[in-house]
Amino acid sequence: MGEKPHLLVHDKADNVGVVVVEELTAGTNMLCVVTEDDSDFRLTVKADIPIGHKVALKDLAVGDTILKYGEDIGKMIGPAETGGHVHTQNLKTKRW
């Protein structure tokens, strides 16, 4: 059995992925799997990030549109570097 992924990315267009393990700690060289085509890549996480939270796949600036599942889910209200935590502190969803 191979290594289990730390992060899932649903669509190749996504600029965030979702943490799928408990206790992900800063500095972990994550295995990231793209579910659209079952490809994978590596990314070092910059912070401790809880399961279910998002990780930036590239540097994100204020005003950037966030894509998850290939869909626009919101705009950045604060920056996040590649491997950084993306959540309510820097992302405003379009649901409210």
PDB file of N, CA and C in Angstrom:
ATOM      1  N   MET A   1       0.852  -1.180   0.000  1.00  0.00           N
ATOM      2  CA  MET A   1       0.000   0.000   0.000  1.00  0.00           C
ATOM      3  C   MET A   1       0.892   1.236   0.000  1.00  0.00           C
ATOM      4  N   GLY A   2       0.558   2.213  -0.846  1.00  0.00           N
ATOM      5  CA  GLY A   2       1.360   3.417  -0.963  1.00  0.00           C
ATOM      6  C   GLY A   2       1.065   4.422   0.134  1.00  0.00           C
ATOM      7  N   GLU A   3       1.807   5.498   0.099  1.00  0.00           N
ATOM      8  CA  GLU A   3       1.637   6.587   1.055  1.00  0.00           C
ATOM      9  C   GLU A   3       0.256   7.222   0.888  1.00  0.00           C
ATOM     10  N   LYS A   4      -0.360   7.565   1.999  1.00  0.00           N
ATOM     11  CA  LYS A   4      -1.679   8.214   1.952  1.00  0.00           C
ATOM     12  C   LYS A   4      -1.503   9.717   1.764  1.00  0.00           C
ATOM     13  N   PRO A   5      -2.401  10.336   0.990  1.00  0.00           N
ATOM     14  CA  PRO A   5      -2.278  11.771   0.754  1.00  0.00           C
ATOM     15  C   PRO A   5      -2.571  12.598   2.008  1.00  0.00           C
ATOM     16  N   HIS A   6      -1.934  13.759   2.056  1.00  0.00           N
ATOM     17  CA  HIS A   6      -2.190  14.751   3.102  1.00  0.00           C
ATOM     18  C   HIS A   6      -3.220  15.772   2.625  1.00  0.00           C
ATOM     19  N   LEU A   7      -3.269  15.987   1.303  1.00  0.00           N
ATOM     20  CA  LEU A   7      -4.061  17.070   0.721  1.00  0.00           C
ATOM     21  C   LEU A   7      -4.748  16.562  -0.542  1.00  0.00           C
ATOM     22  N   LEU A   8      -6.024  16.908  -0.705  1.00  0.00           N
ATOM     23  CA  LEU A   8      -6.748  16.594  -1.935  1.00  0.00           C
ATOM     24  C   LEU A   8      -7.057  17.879  -2.690  1.00  0.00           C
ATOM     25  N   VAL A   9      -6.825  17.828  -3.985  1.00  0.00           N
ATOM     26  CA  VAL A   9      -7.172  18.909  -4.905  1.00  0.00           C
ATOM     27  C   VAL A   9      -8.175  18.287  -5.866  1.00  0.00           C
ATOM     28  N   HIS A  10      -9.319  18.916  -6.041  1.00  0.00           N
ATOM     29  CA  HIS A  10     -10.394  18.283  -6.802  1.00  0.00           C
ATOM     30  C   HIS A  10     -10.298  18.514  -8.301  1.00  0.00           C
ATOM     31  N   ASP A  11      -9.812  19.670  -8.709  1.00  0.00           N
ATOM     32  CA  ASP A  11      -9.814  20.052 -10.123  1.00  0.00           C
ATOM     33  C   ASP A  11      -8.463  20.683 -10.437  1.00  0.00           C
ATOM     34  N   LYS A  12      -7.930  20.433 -11.621  1.00  0.00           N
ATOM     35  CA  LYS A  12      -6.622  20.993 -11.993  1.00  0.00           C
ATOM     36  C   LYS A  12      -6.603  22.522 -11.947  1.00  0.00           C
ATOM     37  N   ALA A  13      -7.777  23.168 -12.091  1.00  0.00           N
ATOM     38  CA  ALA A  13      -7.860  24.627 -12.054  1.00  0.00           C
ATOM     39  C   ALA A  13      -7.840  25.188 -10.626  1.00  0.00           C
ATOM     40  N   ASP A  14      -8.029  24.336  -9.614  1.00  0.00           N
ATOM     41  CA  ASP A  14      -8.108  24.804  -8.229  1.00  0.00           C
ATOM     42  C   ASP A  14      -6.800  25.462  -7.791  1.00  0.00           C
ATOM     43  N   ASN A  15      -6.932  26.493  -6.939  1.00  0.00           N
ATOM     44  CA  ASN A  15      -5.734  27.115  -6.368  1.00  0.00           C
ATOM     45  C   ASN A  15      -5.641  26.875  -4.865  1.00  0.00           C
ATOM     46  N   VAL A  16      -6.515  26.006  -4.332  1.00  0.00           N
ATOM     47  CA  VAL A  16      -6.422  25.530  -2.948  1.00  0.00           C
ATOM     48  C   VAL A  16      -6.703  24.030  -2.944  1.00  0.00           C
ATOM     49  N   GLY A  17      -6.176  23.370  -1.920  1.00  0.00           N
ATOM     50  CA  GLY A  17      -6.475  21.971  -1.672  1.00  0.00           C
ATOM     51  C   GLY A  17      -6.988  21.827  -0.260  1.00  0.00           C
ATOM     52  N   VAL A  18      -7.553  20.667   0.070  1.00  0.00           N
ATOM     53  CA  VAL A  18      -8.157  20.419   1.375  1.00  0.00           C
ATOM     54  C   VAL A  18      -7.330  19.393   2.147  1.00  0.00           C
ATOM     55  N   VAL A  19      -7.000  19.734   3.392  1.00  0.00           N
ATOM     56  CA  VAL A  19      -6.251  18.839   4.274  1.00  0.00           C
ATOM     57  C   VAL A  19      -7.136  17.654   4.647  1.00  0.00           C
ATOM     58  N   VAL A  20      -6.604  16.442   4.488  1.00  0.00           N
ATOM     59  CA  VAL A  20      -7.378  15.228   4.765  1.00  0.00           C
ATOM     60  C   VAL A  20      -6.739  14.345   5.840  1.00  0.00           C
ATOM     61  N   VAL A  21      -5.848  14.927   6.636  1.00  0.00           N
ATOM     62  CA  VAL A  21      -5.230  14.193   7.750  1.00  0.00           C
ATOM     63  C   VAL A  21      -5.320  15.039   9.024  1.00  0.00           C
ATOM     64  N   GLU A  22      -5.347  14.362  10.156  1.00  0.00           N
ATOM     65  CA  GLU A  22      -5.313  15.048  11.452  1.00  0.00           C
ATOM     66  C   GLU A  22      -3.888  15.513  11.743  1.00  0.00           C
ATOM     67  N   GLU A  23      -3.776  16.622  12.444  1.00  0.00           N
ATOM     68  CA  GLU A  23      -2.502  17.113  12.972  1.00  0.00           C
ATOM     69  C   GLU A  23      -1.433  17.328  11.906  1.00  0.00           C
ATOM     70  N   LEU A  24      -1.795  18.001  10.821  1.00  0.00           N
ATOM     71  CA  LEU A  24      -0.811  18.376   9.799  1.00  0.00           C
ATOM     72  C   LEU A  24       0.039  19.501  10.364  1.00  0.00           C
ATOM     73  N   THR A  25       1.356  19.302  10.395  1.00  0.00           N
ATOM     74  CA  THR A  25       2.235  20.286  11.035  1.00  0.00           C
ATOM     75  C   THR A  25       3.111  21.006  10.017  1.00  0.00           C
ATOM     76  N   ALA A  26       3.435  22.250  10.366  1.00  0.00           N
ATOM     77  CA  ALA A  26       4.289  23.093   9.529  1.00  0.00           C
ATOM     78  C   ALA A  26       5.554  22.332   9.162  1.00  0.00           C
ATOM     79  N   GLY A  27       5.959  22.460   7.894  1.00  0.00           N
ATOM     80  CA  GLY A  27       7.177  21.830   7.421  1.00  0.00           C
ATOM     81  C   GLY A  27       6.971  20.459   6.801  1.00  0.00           C
ATOM     82  N   THR A  28       5.758  19.908   6.909  1.00  0.00           N
ATOM     83  CA  THR A  28       5.479  18.602   6.312  1.00  0.00           C
ATOM     84  C   THR A  28       5.529  18.704   4.790  1.00  0.00           C
ATOM     85  N   ASN A  29       6.260  17.791   4.166  1.00  0.00           N
ATOM     86  CA  ASN A  29       6.297  17.691   2.705  1.00  0.00           C
ATOM     87  C   ASN A  29       5.097  16.819   2.313  1.00  0.00           C
ATOM     88  N   MET A  30       3.987  17.485   1.999  1.00  0.00           N
ATOM     89  CA  MET A  30       2.720  16.788   1.774  1.00  0.00           C
ATOM     90  C   MET A  30       2.676  16.070   0.438  1.00  0.00           C
ATOM     91  N   LEU A  31       2.007  14.910   0.437  1.00  0.00           N
ATOM     92  CA  LEU A  31       1.609  14.263  -0.801  1.00  0.00           C
ATOM     93  C   LEU A  31       0.236  14.840  -1.144  1.00  0.00           C
ATOM     94  N   CYS A  32       0.137  15.473  -2.305  1.00  0.00           N
ATOM     95  CA  CYS A  32      -1.097  16.118  -2.755  1.00  0.00           C
ATOM     96  C   CYS A  32      -1.608  15.351  -3.958  1.00  0.00           C
ATOM     97  N   VAL A  33      -2.881  14.949  -3.928  1.00  0.00           N
ATOM     98  CA  VAL A  33      -3.471  14.173  -5.008  1.00  0.00           C
ATOM     99  C   VAL A  33      -4.576  14.993  -5.669  1.00  0.00           C
ATOM    100  N   VAL A  34      -4.534  15.043  -7.002  1.00  0.00           N
ATOM    101  CA  VAL A  34      -5.571  15.714  -7.794  1.00  0.00           C
ATOM    102  C   VAL A  34      -6.591  14.641  -8.171  1.00  0.00           C
ATOM    103  N   THR A  35      -7.797  14.740  -7.611  1.00  0.00           N
ATOM    104  CA  THR A  35      -8.785  13.687  -7.829  1.00  0.00           C
ATOM    105  C   THR A  35      -9.325  13.670  -9.254  1.00  0.00           C
ATOM    106  N   GLU A  36      -9.248  14.786  -9.962  1.00  0.00           N
ATOM    107  CA  GLU A  36      -9.741  14.850 -11.342  1.00  0.00           C
ATOM    108  C   GLU A  36      -9.068  13.809 -12.239  1.00  0.00           C
ATOM    109  N   ASP A  37      -7.736  13.643 -12.052  1.00  0.00           N
ATOM    110  CA  ASP A  37      -7.010  12.714 -12.929  1.00  0.00           C
ATOM    111  C   ASP A  37      -6.071  11.774 -12.165  1.00  0.00           C
ATOM    112  N   ASP A  38      -6.166  11.773 -10.835  1.00  0.00           N
ATOM    113  CA  ASP A  38      -5.359  10.916  -9.967  1.00  0.00           C
ATOM    114  C   ASP A  38      -3.865  11.201 -10.073  1.00  0.00           C
ATOM    115  N   SER A  39      -3.515  12.406 -10.516  1.00  0.00           N
ATOM    116  CA  SER A  39      -2.101  12.803 -10.513  1.00  0.00           C
ATOM    117  C   SER A  39      -1.721  13.248  -9.102  1.00  0.00           C
ATOM    118  N   ASP A  40      -0.427  13.417  -8.863  1.00  0.00           N
ATOM    119  CA  ASP A  40      -0.008  13.886  -7.548  1.00  0.00           C
ATOM    120  C   ASP A  40       1.201  14.802  -7.670  1.00  0.00           C
ATOM    121  N   PHE A  41       1.446  15.543  -6.594  1.00  0.00           N
ATOM    122  CA  PHE A  41       2.601  16.435  -6.501  1.00  0.00           C
ATOM    123  C   PHE A  41       2.931  16.628  -5.033  1.00  0.00           C
ATOM    124  N   ARG A  42       4.039  17.265  -4.754  1.00  0.00           N
ATOM    125  CA  ARG A  42       4.496  17.533  -3.388  1.00  0.00           C
ATOM    126  C   ARG A  42       4.457  19.028  -3.112  1.00  0.00           C
ATOM    127  N   LEU A  43       4.144  19.370  -1.879  1.00  0.00           N
ATOM    128  CA  LEU A  43       4.102  20.767  -1.440  1.00  0.00           C
ATOM    129  C   LEU A  43       4.403  20.791   0.048  1.00  0.00           C
ATOM    130  N   THR A  44       5.242  21.724   0.476  1.00  0.00           N
ATOM    131  CA  THR A  44       5.554  21.865   1.896  1.00  0.00           C
ATOM    132  C   THR A  44       4.571  22.832   2.533  1.00  0.00           C
ATOM    133  N   VAL A  45       3.920  22.379   3.596  1.00  0.00           N
ATOM    134  CA  VAL A  45       2.950  23.218   4.296  1.00  0.00           C
ATOM    135  C   VAL A  45       3.697  24.175   5.227  1.00  0.00           C
ATOM    136  N   LYS A  46       3.225  25.426   5.299  1.00  0.00           N
ATOM    137  CA  LYS A  46       3.925  26.481   6.047  1.00  0.00           C
ATOM    138  C   LYS A  46       3.431  26.650   7.473  1.00  0.00           C
ATOM    139  N   ALA A  47       2.277  26.060   7.808  1.00  0.00           N
ATOM    140  CA  ALA A  47       1.686  26.243   9.134  1.00  0.00           C
ATOM    141  C   ALA A  47       1.027  24.941   9.564  1.00  0.00           C
ATOM    142  N   ASP A  48       0.712  24.841  10.852  1.00  0.00           N
ATOM    143  CA  ASP A  48      -0.111  23.738  11.330  1.00  0.00           C
ATOM    144  C   ASP A  48      -1.525  24.015  10.816  1.00  0.00           C
ATOM    145  N   ILE A  49      -2.128  23.062  10.117  1.00  0.00           N
ATOM    146  CA  ILE A  49      -3.447  23.288   9.515  1.00  0.00           C
ATOM    147  C   ILE A  49      -4.368  22.131   9.876  1.00  0.00           C
ATOM    148  N   PRO A  50      -5.552  22.456  10.418  1.00  0.00           N
ATOM    149  CA  PRO A  50      -6.509  21.408  10.810  1.00  0.00           C
ATOM    150  C   PRO A  50      -7.103  20.673   9.606  1.00  0.00           C
ATOM    151  N   ILE A  51      -7.547  19.459   9.850  1.00  0.00           N
ATOM    152  CA  ILE A  51      -8.232  18.685   8.833  1.00  0.00           C
ATOM    153  C   ILE A  51      -9.459  19.464   8.340  1.00  0.00           C
ATOM    154  N   GLY A  52      -9.694  19.411   7.042  1.00  0.00           N
ATOM    155  CA  GLY A  52     -10.838  20.102   6.447  1.00  0.00           C
ATOM    156  C   GLY A  52     -10.564  21.526   6.024  1.00  0.00           C
ATOM    157  N   HIS A  53      -9.451  22.099   6.486  1.00  0.00           N
ATOM    158  CA  HIS A  53      -9.102  23.464   6.100  1.00  0.00           C
ATOM    159  C   HIS A  53      -8.329  23.443   4.778  1.00  0.00           C
ATOM    160  N   LYS A  54      -8.173  24.605   4.172  1.00  0.00           N
ATOM    161  CA  LYS A  54      -7.556  24.719   2.852  1.00  0.00           C
ATOM    162  C   LYS A  54      -6.105  25.174   2.936  1.00  0.00           C
ATOM    163  N   VAL A  55      -5.331  24.775   1.917  1.00  0.00           N
ATOM    164  CA  VAL A  55      -3.931  25.163   1.756  1.00  0.00           C
ATOM    165  C   VAL A  55      -3.783  25.831   0.390  1.00  0.00           C
ATOM    166  N   ALA A  56      -3.063  26.952   0.360  1.00  0.00           N
ATOM    167  CA  ALA A  56      -2.803  27.661  -0.895  1.00  0.00           C
ATOM    168  C   ALA A  56      -1.832  26.853  -1.747  1.00  0.00           C
ATOM    169  N   LEU A  57      -2.192  26.654  -3.025  1.00  0.00           N
ATOM    170  CA  LEU A  57      -1.319  25.926  -3.952  1.00  0.00           C
ATOM    171  C   LEU A  57      -0.379  26.865  -4.690  1.00  0.00           C
ATOM    172  N   LYS A  58      -0.594  28.168  -4.534  1.00  0.00           N
ATOM    173  CA  LYS A  58       0.276  29.200  -5.104  1.00  0.00           C
ATOM    174  C   LYS A  58       0.125  30.418  -4.222  1.00  0.00           C
ATOM    175  N   ASP A  59       0.986  31.424  -4.401  1.00  0.00           N
ATOM    176  CA  ASP A  59       0.843  32.649  -3.637  1.00  0.00           C
ATOM    177  C   ASP A  59      -0.483  33.306  -4.000  1.00  0.00           C
ATOM    178  N   LEU A  60      -1.262  33.669  -2.964  1.00  0.00           N
ATOM    179  CA  LEU A  60      -2.565  34.284  -3.165  1.00  0.00           C
ATOM    180  C   LEU A  60      -2.562  35.675  -2.542  1.00  0.00           C
ATOM    181  N   ALA A  61      -3.074  36.656  -3.275  1.00  0.00           N
ATOM    182  CA  ALA A  61      -3.101  38.050  -2.829  1.00  0.00           C
ATOM    183  C   ALA A  61      -4.533  38.483  -2.527  1.00  0.00           C
ATOM    184  N   VAL A  62      -4.666  39.564  -1.786  1.00  0.00           N
ATOM    185  CA  VAL A  62      -5.974  40.151  -1.521  1.00  0.00           C
ATOM    186  C   VAL A  62      -6.685  40.402  -2.852  1.00  0.00           C
ATOM    187  N   GLY A  63      -7.938  39.971  -2.931  1.00  0.00           N
ATOM    188  CA  GLY A  63      -8.733  40.149  -4.142  1.00  0.00           C
ATOM    189  C   GLY A  63      -8.716  38.965  -5.082  1.00  0.00           C
ATOM    190  N   ASP A  64      -7.774  38.033  -4.892  1.00  0.00           N
ATOM    191  CA  ASP A  64      -7.733  36.849  -5.761  1.00  0.00           C
ATOM    192  C   ASP A  64      -8.983  35.996  -5.570  1.00  0.00           C
ATOM    193  N   THR A  65      -9.479  35.439  -6.662  1.00  0.00           N
ATOM    194  CA  THR A  65     -10.603  34.511  -6.626  1.00  0.00           C
ATOM    195  C   THR A  65     -10.080  33.131  -6.265  1.00  0.00           C
ATOM    196  N   ILE A  66     -10.785  32.459  -5.352  1.00  0.00           N
ATOM    197  CA  ILE A  66     -10.377  31.127  -4.924  1.00  0.00           C
ATOM    198  C   ILE A  66     -11.234  30.086  -5.636  1.00  0.00           C
ATOM    199  N   LEU A  67     -10.540  29.111  -6.228  1.00  0.00           N
ATOM    200  CA  LEU A  67     -11.203  28.026  -6.949  1.00  0.00           C
ATOM    201  C   LEU A  67     -11.026  26.720  -6.184  1.00  0.00           C
ATOM    202  N   LYS A  68     -12.156  26.072  -5.917  1.00  0.00           N
ATOM    203  CA  LYS A  68     -12.191  24.757  -5.279  1.00  0.00           C
ATOM    204  C   LYS A  68     -13.279  23.977  -6.007  1.00  0.00           C
ATOM    205  N   TYR A  69     -13.022  22.725  -6.323  1.00  0.00           N
ATOM    206  CA  TYR A  69     -13.928  21.913  -7.154  1.00  0.00           C
ATOM    207  C   TYR A  69     -14.094  22.548  -8.538  1.00  0.00           C
ATOM    208  N   GLY A  70     -13.125  23.362  -8.968  1.00  0.00           N
ATOM    209  CA  GLY A  70     -13.223  24.054 -10.241  1.00  0.00           C
ATOM    210  C   GLY A  70     -14.215  25.203 -10.209  1.00  0.00           C
ATOM    211  N   GLU A  71     -14.702  25.565  -9.033  1.00  0.00           N
ATOM    212  CA  GLU A  71     -15.718  26.608  -8.874  1.00  0.00           C
ATOM    213  C   GLU A  71     -15.181  27.761  -8.035  1.00  0.00           C
ATOM    214  N   ASP A  72     -15.680  28.953  -8.322  1.00  0.00           N
ATOM    215  CA  ASP A  72     -15.359  30.159  -7.566  1.00  0.00           C
ATOM    216  C   ASP A  72     -16.057  30.067  -6.210  1.00  0.00           C
ATOM    217  N   ILE A  73     -15.278  29.971  -5.118  1.00  0.00           N
ATOM    218  CA  ILE A  73     -15.885  29.868  -3.788  1.00  0.00           C
ATOM    219  C   ILE A  73     -15.718  31.136  -2.963  1.00  0.00           C
ATOM    220  N   GLY A  74     -14.957  32.120  -3.464  1.00  0.00           N
ATOM    221  CA  GLY A  74     -14.788  33.342  -2.700  1.00  0.00           C
ATOM    222  C   GLY A  74     -13.575  34.138  -3.124  1.00  0.00           C
ATOM    223  N   LYS A  75     -13.309  35.191  -2.351  1.00  0.00           N
ATOM    224  CA  LYS A  75     -12.181  36.094  -2.623  1.00  0.00           C
ATOM    225  C   LYS A  75     -11.294  36.189  -1.393  1.00  0.00           C
ATOM    226  N   MET A  76     -10.017  36.363  -1.649  1.00  0.00           N
ATOM    227  CA  MET A  76      -9.055  36.539  -0.558  1.00  0.00           C
ATOM    228  C   MET A  76      -9.213  37.948   0.032  1.00  0.00           C
ATOM    229  N   ILE A  77      -9.291  38.008   1.369  1.00  0.00           N
ATOM    230  CA  ILE A  77      -9.322  39.292   2.069  1.00  0.00           C
ATOM    231  C   ILE A  77      -8.002  39.524   2.804  1.00  0.00           C
ATOM    232  N   GLY A  78      -7.119  38.558   2.717  1.00  0.00           N
ATOM    233  CA  GLY A  78      -5.765  38.639   3.259  1.00  0.00           C
ATOM    234  C   GLY A  78      -4.896  37.707   2.431  1.00  0.00           C
ATOM    235  N   PRO A  79      -3.585  37.910   2.419  1.00  0.00           N
ATOM    236  CA  PRO A  79      -2.717  37.086   1.584  1.00  0.00           C
ATOM    237  C   PRO A  79      -2.447  35.710   2.200  1.00  0.00           C
ATOM    238  N   ALA A  80      -1.993  34.799   1.350  1.00  0.00           N
ATOM    239  CA  ALA A  80      -1.503  33.487   1.793  1.00  0.00           C
ATOM    240  C   ALA A  80      -0.400  33.073   0.836  1.00  0.00           C
ATOM    241  N   GLU A  81       0.726  32.634   1.386  1.00  0.00           N
ATOM    242  CA  GLU A  81       1.817  32.166   0.531  1.00  0.00           C
ATOM    243  C   GLU A  81       1.576  30.713   0.146  1.00  0.00           C
ATOM    244  N   THR A  82       2.277  30.256  -0.856  1.00  0.00           N
ATOM    245  CA  THR A  82       2.196  28.854  -1.270  1.00  0.00           C
ATOM    246  C   THR A  82       2.445  27.967  -0.054  1.00  0.00           C
ATOM    247  N   GLY A  83       1.534  27.039   0.200  1.00  0.00           N
ATOM    248  CA  GLY A  83       1.641  26.165   1.365  1.00  0.00           C
ATOM    249  C   GLY A  83       1.017  26.743   2.617  1.00  0.00           C
ATOM    250  N   GLY A  84       0.446  27.955   2.508  1.00  0.00           N
ATOM    251  CA  GLY A  84      -0.144  28.635   3.659  1.00  0.00           C
ATOM    252  C   GLY A  84      -1.597  28.254   3.897  1.00  0.00           C
ATOM    253  N   HIS A  85      -2.073  28.607   5.074  1.00  0.00           N
ATOM    254  CA  HIS A  85      -3.427  28.312   5.538  1.00  0.00           C
ATOM    255  C   HIS A  85      -4.424  29.277   4.886  1.00  0.00           C
ATOM    256  N   VAL A  86      -5.470  28.740   4.285  1.00  0.00           N
ATOM    257  CA  VAL A  86      -6.549  29.544   3.719  1.00  0.00           C
ATOM    258  C   VAL A  86      -7.820  29.158   4.464  1.00  0.00           C
ATOM    259  N   HIS A  87      -8.389  30.142   5.182  1.00  0.00           N
ATOM    260  CA  HIS A  87      -9.609  29.891   5.969  1.00  0.00           C
ATOM    261  C   HIS A  87     -10.279  31.239   6.207  1.00  0.00           C
ATOM    262  N   THR A  88     -11.111  31.333   7.216  1.00  0.00           N
ATOM    263  CA  THR A  88     -11.900  32.549   7.433  1.00  0.00           C
ATOM    264  C   THR A  88     -11.046  33.785   7.742  1.00  0.00           C
ATOM    265  N   GLN A  89      -9.814  33.607   8.178  1.00  0.00           N
ATOM    266  CA  GLN A  89      -8.963  34.762   8.473  1.00  0.00           C
ATOM    267  C   GLN A  89      -8.503  35.489   7.206  1.00  0.00           C
ATOM    268  N   ASN A  90      -8.544  34.814   6.050  1.00  0.00           N
ATOM    269  CA  ASN A  90      -8.075  35.453   4.819  1.00  0.00           C
ATOM    270  C   ASN A  90      -8.944  35.149   3.595  1.00  0.00           C
ATOM    271  N   LEU A  91     -10.075  34.474   3.798  1.00  0.00           N
ATOM    272  CA  LEU A  91     -10.984  34.132   2.693  1.00  0.00           C
ATOM    273  C   LEU A  91     -12.405  34.502   3.059  1.00  0.00           C
ATOM    274  N   LYS A  92     -13.062  35.240   2.194  1.00  0.00           N
ATOM    275  CA  LYS A  92     -14.481  35.589   2.364  1.00  0.00           C
ATOM    276  C   LYS A  92     -15.258  34.809   1.325  1.00  0.00           C
ATOM    277  N   THR A  93     -16.118  33.910   1.787  1.00  0.00           N
ATOM    278  CA  THR A  93     -16.910  33.118   0.857  1.00  0.00           C
ATOM    279  C   THR A  93     -18.008  33.981   0.257  1.00  0.00           C
ATOM    280  N   LYS A  94     -18.595  33.519  -0.812  1.00  0.00           N
ATOM    281  CA  LYS A  94     -19.669  34.244  -1.463  1.00  0.00           C
ATOM    282  C   LYS A  94     -21.037  33.809  -0.940  1.00  0.00           C
ATOM    283  N   ARG A  95     -21.036  32.904   0.047  1.00  0.00           N
ATOM    284  CA  ARG A  95     -22.302  32.444   0.614  1.00  0.00           C
ATOM    285  C   ARG A  95     -22.885  33.434   1.606  1.00  0.00           C
ATOM    286  N   TRP A  96     -22.059  34.263   2.218  1.00  0.00           N
ATOM    287  CA  TRP A  96     -22.549  35.275   3.162  1.00  0.00           C
ATOM    288  C   TRP A  96     -21.643  36.462   3.178  1.00  0.00           C
TER     289      TRP A  96
END
